Amino acid sequence: MSNEAAASQKTTIQMDVVSDVMCPWCYIGKRRLEAALEKVSDVDVDIRWRPFQLDPTLPPEGRDRREYLETKFGGPERAQEIYSRIEDAGRGEDLDFNFSKIEVSPNTIDAHRVIRWSANEGPHVQDKLVEILFKLYFMEGGHIGDHDVLVEAATQAGMDGPVVRALLATDKDRDEVINEVATAQQMGVTGVPCFIIDNRYAVMGAQDADHIAEAIRQAAQMRTDEASGTESG
């Protein structure tokens, strides 16, 4: 069978990844998703990144991160304990988090607006942008609520920087992002990442690659059975 014929027989499913780019577990989840996709290379997974805000009350300019985390977790010791565990989990996925470089906890609504726009820019642009934003924030300490930073990230991902800058100066899609977050919450998403697979299965949290891969296989099998008029046993 030719490569073209094999590709045409692939089952295609959609995955909505609900995440926030200031969530370290979402970056870990992205790596585990990538590993899962390698395990199910016979399935074509169309990924769409969907917004969630861990804290929509943060001001547009963000807040001092150390102060924010100490307030959120009840003191520096507790914050350090939590982030030490995240660092350990990150190393398991070849992610060397550099939390000490992060000075600002950002409001991420503008980042989500740019991610939303990137979905219309062709294959892989959205995923590339999400990766750039994660890396900027967690490895380089970039302020991903700042418009200059977002424009540069969008440009690196292949978007039109001047257009992105002009759109960020407006309220375009702000309400749409807020409504998407609200919809996710109404669906029962209380934490991220959440992988919604073909509107059939939801994998909550940064589960291991095998768990995500199995959910993808099940969704693909159901779609194949439906197409052939059979039922899964």
Protein backbone atom coordinates (compact mmCIF):
# COMPACT_ATOMS: atom_id res chain seq x y z
CA MET A 1 0.00 0.00 0.00
CA SER A 2 1.34 3.42 -0.91
CA ASN A 3 1.97 6.08 1.72
CA GLU A 4 -0.83 8.13 0.19
CA ALA A 5 -3.29 5.25 0.46
CA ALA A 6 -2.27 4.52 4.03
CA ALA A 7 -2.73 8.16 4.97
CA SER A 8 -6.17 8.24 3.36
CA GLN A 9 -7.26 5.33 5.57
CA LYS A 10 -6.27 7.05 8.78
CA THR A 11 -9.09 7.78 11.18
CA THR A 12 -9.33 11.50 11.94
CA ILE A 13 -10.56 12.73 15.30
CA GLN A 14 -10.61 16.15 16.94
CA MET A 15 -9.07 16.99 20.27
CA ASP A 16 -9.78 20.17 22.20
CA VAL A 17 -7.05 20.91 24.73
CA VAL A 18 -8.37 23.24 27.42
CA SER A 19 -5.41 24.94 29.04
CA ASP A 20 -3.88 28.12 30.39
CA VAL A 21 -0.41 29.24 29.32
CA MET A 22 0.45 30.21 32.91
CA CYS A 23 -0.25 26.65 34.10
CA PRO A 24 2.91 24.52 34.44
CA TRP A 25 0.89 21.30 34.46
CA CYS A 26 -0.47 22.30 31.05
CA TYR A 27 3.08 22.44 29.67
CA ILE A 28 3.77 19.03 31.19
CA GLY A 29 0.48 17.83 29.70
CA LYS A 30 1.54 19.09 26.28
CA ARG A 31 4.69 16.99 26.41
CA ARG A 32 2.70 13.92 27.49
CA LEU A 33 0.21 14.53 24.69
CA GLU A 34 3.05 14.67 22.18
CA ALA A 35 4.33 11.33 23.49
CA ALA A 36 0.81 9.90 23.25
CA LEU A 37 0.48 10.98 19.63
CA GLU A 38 3.64 9.04 18.78
CA LYS A 39 1.95 5.93 20.20
CA VAL A 40 -1.12 6.35 17.98
CA SER A 41 0.51 7.37 14.73
CA ASP A 42 -2.24 5.53 12.83
CA VAL A 43 -4.76 8.14 14.02
CA ASP A 44 -4.87 11.67 12.64
CA VAL A 45 -5.57 13.96 15.61
CA ASP A 46 -6.71 17.49 14.82
CA ILE A 47 -5.76 19.52 17.89
CA ARG A 48 -7.35 22.81 18.89
CA TRP A 49 -6.10 24.75 21.91
CA ARG A 50 -8.99 26.16 23.97
CA PRO A 51 -8.78 28.86 26.65
CA PHE A 52 -8.98 28.61 30.41
CA GLN A 53 -7.95 31.18 32.99
CA LEU A 54 -6.62 30.02 36.31
CA ASP A 55 -7.13 33.53 37.64
CA PRO A 56 -9.14 35.98 35.53
CA THR A 57 -9.05 38.48 38.42
CA LEU A 58 -5.40 39.32 37.79
CA PRO A 59 -5.05 42.92 36.54
CA PRO A 60 -3.99 43.56 32.92
CA GLU A 61 -0.46 44.40 34.06
CA GLY A 62 -0.28 41.25 36.20
CA ARG A 63 0.99 40.98 39.78
CA ASP A 64 4.35 40.42 41.40
CA ARG A 65 4.68 36.66 41.19
CA ARG A 66 6.31 36.03 44.55
CA GLU A 67 3.72 38.08 46.37
CA TYR A 68 0.92 36.47 44.36
CA LEU A 69 2.03 32.89 45.06
CA GLU A 70 2.64 33.50 48.74
CA THR A 71 -0.84 34.97 49.08
CA LYS A 72 -2.39 32.16 47.03
CA PHE A 73 -0.69 29.31 48.88
CA GLY A 74 -0.50 30.81 52.36
CA GLY A 75 3.22 31.49 52.58
CA PRO A 76 6.55 30.97 50.83
CA GLU A 77 7.19 27.52 52.30
CA ARG A 78 3.98 26.07 50.92
CA ALA A 79 4.53 27.71 47.52
CA GLN A 80 8.06 26.29 47.37
CA GLU A 81 6.81 22.82 48.30
CA ILE A 82 4.23 22.84 45.50
CA TYR A 83 6.58 24.15 42.85
CA SER A 84 9.33 21.71 43.81
CA ARG A 85 6.95 18.87 42.95
CA ILE A 86 6.15 20.53 39.62
CA GLU A 87 9.87 20.90 38.87
CA ASP A 88 10.34 17.17 39.50
CA ALA A 89 7.44 16.30 37.18
CA GLY A 90 8.80 18.66 34.54
CA ARG A 91 12.23 17.05 34.56
CA GLY A 92 10.51 13.74 33.81
CA GLU A 93 9.30 15.30 30.54
CA ASP A 94 12.61 17.05 29.73
CA LEU A 95 11.22 20.40 30.85
CA ASP A 96 13.66 22.43 32.90
CA PHE A 97 11.34 24.93 34.54
CA ASN A 98 13.01 28.15 35.62
CA PHE A 99 10.42 29.57 37.98
CA SER A 100 12.92 31.95 39.59
CA LYS A 101 13.05 34.00 36.37
CA ILE A 102 9.31 34.71 36.42
CA GLU A 103 8.66 38.13 37.91
CA VAL A 104 5.02 38.67 36.92
CA SER A 105 1.95 36.46 37.21
CA PRO A 106 0.06 37.60 34.09
CA ASN A 107 -3.55 37.92 33.14
CA THR A 108 -3.65 35.57 30.16
CA ILE A 109 -6.76 36.72 28.32
CA ASP A 110 -4.76 38.53 25.62
CA ALA A 111 -2.54 35.49 25.16
CA HIS A 112 -5.68 33.42 24.62
CA ARG A 113 -6.96 35.93 22.08
CA VAL A 114 -3.77 35.53 20.04
CA ILE A 115 -3.96 31.73 20.36
CA ARG A 116 -7.54 31.91 19.09
CA TRP A 117 -6.49 33.94 16.04
CA SER A 118 -3.61 31.59 15.31
CA ALA A 119 -6.06 28.74 14.65
CA ASN A 120 -6.85 30.39 11.30
CA GLU A 121 -3.21 30.70 10.23
CA GLY A 122 -2.66 27.25 8.78
CA PRO A 123 -1.52 23.86 10.07
CA HIS A 124 0.64 23.76 13.21
CA VAL A 125 0.77 27.54 13.74
CA GLN A 126 -1.43 27.37 16.83
CA ASP A 127 0.57 24.55 18.38
CA LYS A 128 3.81 26.38 17.60
CA LEU A 129 2.51 29.56 19.24
CA VAL A 130 1.40 27.71 22.37
CA GLU A 131 4.84 26.11 22.65
CA ILE A 132 6.53 29.50 22.25
CA LEU A 133 4.36 31.06 24.96
CA PHE A 134 4.96 28.21 27.39
CA LYS A 135 8.70 28.42 26.82
CA LEU A 136 8.73 32.21 27.11
CA TYR A 137 6.96 32.11 30.44
CA PHE A 138 8.40 29.05 32.15
CA MET A 139 11.95 29.02 30.82
CA GLU A 140 12.69 32.68 30.12
CA GLY A 141 10.41 34.48 32.56
CA GLY A 142 8.70 36.46 29.79
CA HIS A 143 5.67 38.59 30.62
CA ILE A 144 3.09 36.87 28.40
CA GLY A 145 0.45 39.46 29.21
CA ASP A 146 2.54 42.20 27.59
CA HIS A 147 1.50 43.11 24.05
CA ASP A 148 5.07 43.50 22.78
CA VAL A 149 5.90 40.00 24.01
CA LEU A 150 2.74 38.57 22.45
CA VAL A 151 3.40 40.24 19.10
CA GLU A 152 6.95 38.87 19.02
CA ALA A 153 5.69 35.37 19.91
CA ALA A 154 3.02 35.55 17.21
CA THR A 155 5.60 36.65 14.65
CA GLN A 156 7.89 33.75 15.56
CA ALA A 157 4.96 31.37 15.09
CA GLY A 158 4.35 32.68 11.58
CA MET A 159 1.60 35.23 12.16
CA ASP A 160 1.49 38.81 10.88
CA GLY A 161 2.91 40.85 13.77
CA PRO A 162 1.47 44.26 12.80
CA VAL A 163 -2.00 42.73 12.39
CA VAL A 164 -1.75 41.03 15.79
CA ARG A 165 -0.63 44.30 17.39
CA ALA A 166 -3.56 46.17 15.84
CA LEU A 167 -6.05 43.54 17.01
CA LEU A 168 -4.63 43.48 20.53
CA ALA A 169 -5.31 47.22 20.78
CA THR A 170 -9.02 46.43 20.35
CA ASP A 171 -11.42 44.20 22.28
CA LYS A 172 -11.76 41.74 19.40
CA ASP A 173 -12.68 38.26 20.64
CA ARG A 174 -12.31 39.20 24.31
CA ASP A 175 -15.91 38.26 25.04
CA GLU A 176 -15.59 35.12 22.93
CA VAL A 177 -12.64 33.94 25.01
CA ILE A 178 -14.47 34.71 28.25
CA ASN A 179 -17.49 32.78 26.98
CA GLU A 180 -15.34 29.80 25.98
CA VAL A 181 -13.87 29.66 29.48
CA ALA A 182 -17.36 29.83 30.96
CA THR A 183 -18.53 27.03 28.66
CA ALA A 184 -15.64 24.83 29.75
CA GLN A 185 -16.53 25.44 33.38
CA GLN A 186 -20.20 24.61 32.70
CA MET A 187 -19.02 21.35 31.14
CA GLY A 188 -17.31 20.49 34.41
CA VAL A 189 -13.75 21.59 33.65
CA THR A 190 -12.46 22.86 36.98
CA GLY A 191 -8.75 22.39 36.37
CA VAL A 192 -6.40 22.14 33.44
CA PRO A 193 -5.15 20.63 31.27
CA CYS A 194 -8.28 18.86 30.06
CA PHE A 195 -8.19 16.85 26.85
CA ILE A 196 -11.61 16.55 25.21
CA ILE A 197 -11.30 13.81 22.62
CA ASP A 198 -13.72 13.82 19.68
CA ASN A 199 -16.45 15.09 22.03
CA ARG A 200 -16.57 11.58 23.47
CA TYR A 201 -13.97 11.36 26.22
CA ALA A 202 -12.46 13.85 28.61
CA VAL A 203 -9.04 13.21 30.12
CA MET A 204 -8.63 15.48 33.12
CA GLY A 205 -5.20 16.58 34.24
CA ALA A 206 -1.69 15.92 32.94
CA GLN A 207 -2.21 12.17 32.69
CA ASP A 208 0.57 9.93 31.42
CA ALA A 209 1.03 9.34 27.70
CA ASP A 210 -0.37 5.80 27.80
CA HIS A 211 -3.62 7.01 29.37
CA ILE A 212 -4.08 9.73 26.75
CA ALA A 213 -3.16 7.35 23.92
CA GLU A 214 -5.73 4.79 25.06
CA ALA A 215 -8.47 7.42 25.11
CA ILE A 216 -7.49 8.44 21.56
CA ARG A 217 -7.61 4.79 20.43
CA GLN A 218 -11.07 4.32 21.93
CA ALA A 219 -12.43 7.45 20.24
CA ALA A 220 -10.89 6.41 16.92
CA GLN A 221 -12.35 2.91 17.21
CA MET A 222 -15.81 4.29 17.90
CA ARG A 223 -15.56 6.53 14.86
CA THR A 224 -14.40 3.59 12.72
CA ASP A 225 -17.25 1.41 13.99
CA GLU A 226 -19.78 4.09 13.24
CA ALA A 227 -18.43 4.51 9.73
CA SER A 228 -18.71 0.75 9.10
CA GLY A 229 -22.10 0.47 10.79
CA THR A 230 -20.92 -1.75 13.63
CA GLU A 231 -20.82 -1.31 17.38
CA SER A 232 -17.84 -1.60 19.69
CA GLY A 233 -17.93 -4.74 21.76
